[in-house]
Amino acid sequence: MTPPAHRRQLYDFRPPAPEPPPSVLRLDDGTVLAKPTPAGPRQLAVGEWILIDRQACRILDLRWGQGGGRIVRVAGRAPFSVPHAGTVQRFDLVTLPSKAQRPPAGPPAAGSSR
């Protein structure tokens, strides 16, 4: 006997489909991270940004683990292991704003409507 339609969801044990990684993330300081690509443990470096639980995290420390994997330490999280055959999503740093790129803050020019 099949359960009624309103109770069918209680018996559905399929895991939810994983969400695709975001294509662009903007950090609080204006830094733009884009194009997440899979990277293995040998392709990671200190200072790069990776995606963990849909959050961008900067790599603070890397250590070699057993079997060719890496132990990765990021800010605010416990260290985790990337196995030899495993991958993580690594972001490309697109832009980092600096004071030279911002327009000068001054009085508006004559004739402008602010």
C-alpha atoms as a PDB file:
ATOM      1  CA  MET A   1       0.000   0.000   0.000  1.00  0.00           C
ATOM      2  CA  THR A   2       1.423   3.409  -0.942  1.00  0.00           C
ATOM      3  CA  PRO A   3       1.112   6.315   1.481  1.00  0.00           C
ATOM      4  CA  PRO A   4      -1.276   9.160   0.679  1.00  0.00           C
ATOM      5  CA  ALA A   5       0.130  12.106  -1.285  1.00  0.00           C
ATOM      6  CA  HIS A   6       0.311  14.425   1.728  1.00  0.00           C
ATOM      7  CA  ARG A   7       2.460  11.867   3.619  1.00  0.00           C
ATOM      8  CA  ARG A   8       4.600  10.708   0.714  1.00  0.00           C
ATOM      9  CA  GLN A   9       7.367  13.166   1.632  1.00  0.00           C
ATOM     10  CA  LEU A  10       7.844  11.367   4.965  1.00  0.00           C
ATOM     11  CA  TYR A  11       8.802   8.190   3.120  1.00  0.00           C
ATOM     12  CA  ASP A  12      11.031   9.782   0.482  1.00  0.00           C
ATOM     13  CA  PHE A  13      14.622   9.115   1.605  1.00  0.00           C
ATOM     14  CA  ARG A  14      16.466  10.474  -1.447  1.00  0.00           C
ATOM     15  CA  PRO A  15      19.135  13.015  -0.484  1.00  0.00           C
ATOM     16  CA  PRO A  16      18.584  16.520  -1.831  1.00  0.00           C
ATOM     17  CA  ALA A  17      20.498  17.441  -4.956  1.00  0.00           C
ATOM     18  CA  PRO A  18      23.652  19.437  -4.149  1.00  0.00           C
ATOM     19  CA  GLU A  19      23.505  23.118  -5.011  1.00  0.00           C
ATOM     20  CA  PRO A  20      26.014  24.312  -7.602  1.00  0.00           C
ATOM     21  CA  PRO A  21      28.741  26.580  -6.227  1.00  0.00           C
ATOM     22  CA  PRO A  22      28.141  30.303  -6.670  1.00  0.00           C
ATOM     23  CA  SER A  23      29.934  31.749  -9.689  1.00  0.00           C
ATOM     24  CA  VAL A  24      30.781  35.079  -8.025  1.00  0.00           C
ATOM     25  CA  LEU A  25      31.164  36.047  -4.368  1.00  0.00           C
ATOM     26  CA  ARG A  26      31.725  39.589  -3.111  1.00  0.00           C
ATOM     27  CA  LEU A  27      33.454  39.955   0.256  1.00  0.00           C
ATOM     28  CA  ASP A  28      32.789  42.734   2.773  1.00  0.00           C
ATOM     29  CA  ASP A  29      35.899  44.687   1.727  1.00  0.00           C
ATOM     30  CA  GLY A  30      34.813  44.740  -1.932  1.00  0.00           C
ATOM     31  CA  THR A  31      37.051  41.894  -3.107  1.00  0.00           C
ATOM     32  CA  VAL A  32      35.418  39.877  -5.873  1.00  0.00           C
ATOM     33  CA  LEU A  33      36.017  36.139  -6.064  1.00  0.00           C
ATOM     34  CA  ALA A  34      34.932  34.436  -9.275  1.00  0.00           C
ATOM     35  CA  LYS A  35      35.179  31.290 -11.364  1.00  0.00           C
ATOM     36  CA  PRO A  36      35.418  28.530  -8.747  1.00  0.00           C
ATOM     37  CA  THR A  37      37.364  25.627 -10.195  1.00  0.00           C
ATOM     38  CA  PRO A  38      38.127  22.239  -8.636  1.00  0.00           C
ATOM     39  CA  ALA A  39      41.644  22.044  -7.198  1.00  0.00           C
ATOM     40  CA  GLY A  40      43.438  19.047  -5.762  1.00  0.00           C
ATOM     41  CA  PRO A  41      45.636  19.070  -2.667  1.00  0.00           C
ATOM     42  CA  ARG A  42      48.834  19.781  -4.658  1.00  0.00           C
ATOM     43  CA  GLN A  43      47.268  22.839  -6.325  1.00  0.00           C
ATOM     44  CA  LEU A  44      46.416  24.697  -3.102  1.00  0.00           C
ATOM     45  CA  ALA A  45      48.533  27.531  -1.691  1.00  0.00           C
ATOM     46  CA  VAL A  46      48.481  29.719   1.409  1.00  0.00           C
ATOM     47  CA  GLY A  47      46.462  32.906   0.847  1.00  0.00           C
ATOM     48  CA  GLU A  48      44.095  31.442  -1.759  1.00  0.00           C
ATOM     49  CA  TRP A  49      40.312  31.483  -1.314  1.00  0.00           C
ATOM     50  CA  ILE A  50      38.327  28.234  -1.279  1.00  0.00           C
ATOM     51  CA  LEU A  51      34.644  27.402  -0.906  1.00  0.00           C
ATOM     52  CA  ILE A  52      33.584  25.561   2.273  1.00  0.00           C
ATOM     53  CA  ASP A  53      29.885  25.107   3.073  1.00  0.00           C
ATOM     54  CA  ARG A  54      28.986  27.850   0.556  1.00  0.00           C
ATOM     55  CA  GLN A  55      31.302  30.343   2.306  1.00  0.00           C
ATOM     56  CA  ALA A  56      34.554  31.762   0.981  1.00  0.00           C
ATOM     57  CA  CYS A  57      37.478  31.005   3.307  1.00  0.00           C
ATOM     58  CA  ARG A  58      41.100  32.072   2.998  1.00  0.00           C
ATOM     59  CA  ILE A  59      43.773  29.400   3.490  1.00  0.00           C
ATOM     60  CA  LEU A  60      45.974  30.250   6.476  1.00  0.00           C
ATOM     61  CA  ASP A  61      48.125  27.124   6.705  1.00  0.00           C
ATOM     62  CA  LEU A  62      48.761  23.924   4.724  1.00  0.00           C
ATOM     63  CA  ARG A  63      50.376  20.734   5.997  1.00  0.00           C
ATOM     64  CA  TRP A  64      51.008  17.435   4.280  1.00  0.00           C
ATOM     65  CA  GLY A  65      48.823  14.610   5.543  1.00  0.00           C
ATOM     66  CA  GLN A  66      49.083  10.864   5.186  1.00  0.00           C
ATOM     67  CA  GLY A  67      48.758   9.378   1.726  1.00  0.00           C
ATOM     68  CA  GLY A  68      49.509  12.581  -0.203  1.00  0.00           C
ATOM     69  CA  GLY A  69      46.572  14.628   1.091  1.00  0.00           C
ATOM     70  CA  ARG A  70      46.721  18.064   2.709  1.00  0.00           C
ATOM     71  CA  ILE A  71      45.533  19.375   6.046  1.00  0.00           C
ATOM     72  CA  VAL A  72      44.043  22.826   5.460  1.00  0.00           C
ATOM     73  CA  ARG A  73      43.549  25.452   8.159  1.00  0.00           C
ATOM     74  CA  VAL A  74      41.229  28.391   7.467  1.00  0.00           C
ATOM     75  CA  ALA A  75      40.071  31.222   9.744  1.00  0.00           C
ATOM     76  CA  GLY A  76      37.171  30.444  12.064  1.00  0.00           C
ATOM     77  CA  ARG A  77      36.966  26.712  11.301  1.00  0.00           C
ATOM     78  CA  ALA A  78      38.564  23.510  12.480  1.00  0.00           C
ATOM     79  CA  PRO A  79      41.352  22.172  10.228  1.00  0.00           C
ATOM     80  CA  PHE A  80      40.111  19.702   7.631  1.00  0.00           C
ATOM     81  CA  SER A  81      41.726  17.189   5.329  1.00  0.00           C
ATOM     82  CA  VAL A  82      41.695  17.148   1.537  1.00  0.00           C
ATOM     83  CA  PRO A  83      42.465  13.555   0.502  1.00  0.00           C
ATOM     84  CA  HIS A  84      44.909  12.708  -2.283  1.00  0.00           C
ATOM     85  CA  ALA A  85      42.083  12.135  -4.780  1.00  0.00           C
ATOM     86  CA  GLY A  86      39.790  14.857  -3.354  1.00  0.00           C
ATOM     87  CA  THR A  87      39.152  18.385  -4.580  1.00  0.00           C
ATOM     88  CA  VAL A  88      37.875  21.697  -3.224  1.00  0.00           C
ATOM     89  CA  GLN A  89      36.484  24.685  -5.118  1.00  0.00           C
ATOM     90  CA  ARG A  90      39.216  27.351  -5.464  1.00  0.00           C
ATOM     91  CA  PHE A  91      38.354  30.941  -6.450  1.00  0.00           C
ATOM     92  CA  ASP A  92      40.233  33.317  -8.714  1.00  0.00           C
ATOM     93  CA  LEU A  93      40.820  36.748  -7.196  1.00  0.00           C
ATOM     94  CA  VAL A  94      39.262  39.190  -9.652  1.00  0.00           C
ATOM     95  CA  THR A  95      39.755  42.577  -8.038  1.00  0.00           C
ATOM     96  CA  LEU A  96      40.877  44.112  -4.786  1.00  0.00           C
ATOM     97  CA  PRO A  97      39.854  47.748  -4.476  1.00  0.00           C
ATOM     98  CA  SER A  98      42.448  50.250  -3.392  1.00  0.00           C
ATOM     99  CA  LYS A  99      42.264  53.896  -2.432  1.00  0.00           C
ATOM    100  CA  ALA A 100      43.810  54.881  -5.770  1.00  0.00           C
ATOM    101  CA  GLN A 101      40.868  53.381  -7.681  1.00  0.00           C
ATOM    102  CA  ARG A 102      38.192  55.279  -5.762  1.00  0.00           C
ATOM    103  CA  PRO A 103      37.072  58.688  -7.017  1.00  0.00           C
ATOM    104  CA  PRO A 104      38.275  61.587  -4.894  1.00  0.00           C
ATOM    105  CA  ALA A 105      35.827  62.729  -2.245  1.00  0.00           C
ATOM    106  CA  GLY A 106      35.343  66.418  -2.583  1.00  0.00           C
ATOM    107  CA  PRO A 107      32.759  69.078  -3.279  1.00  0.00           C
ATOM    108  CA  PRO A 108      30.578  68.446  -6.318  1.00  0.00           C
ATOM    109  CA  ALA A 109      31.633  70.139  -9.533  1.00  0.00           C
ATOM    110  CA  ALA A 110      29.805  73.271 -10.636  1.00  0.00           C
ATOM    111  CA  GLY A 111      26.615  72.475 -12.512  1.00  0.00           C
ATOM    112  CA  SER A 112      26.233  68.964 -11.126  1.00  0.00           C
ATOM    113  CA  SER A 113      22.967  68.000  -9.493  1.00  0.00           C
ATOM    114  CA  ARG A 114      23.576  66.165  -6.229  1.00  0.00           C
END
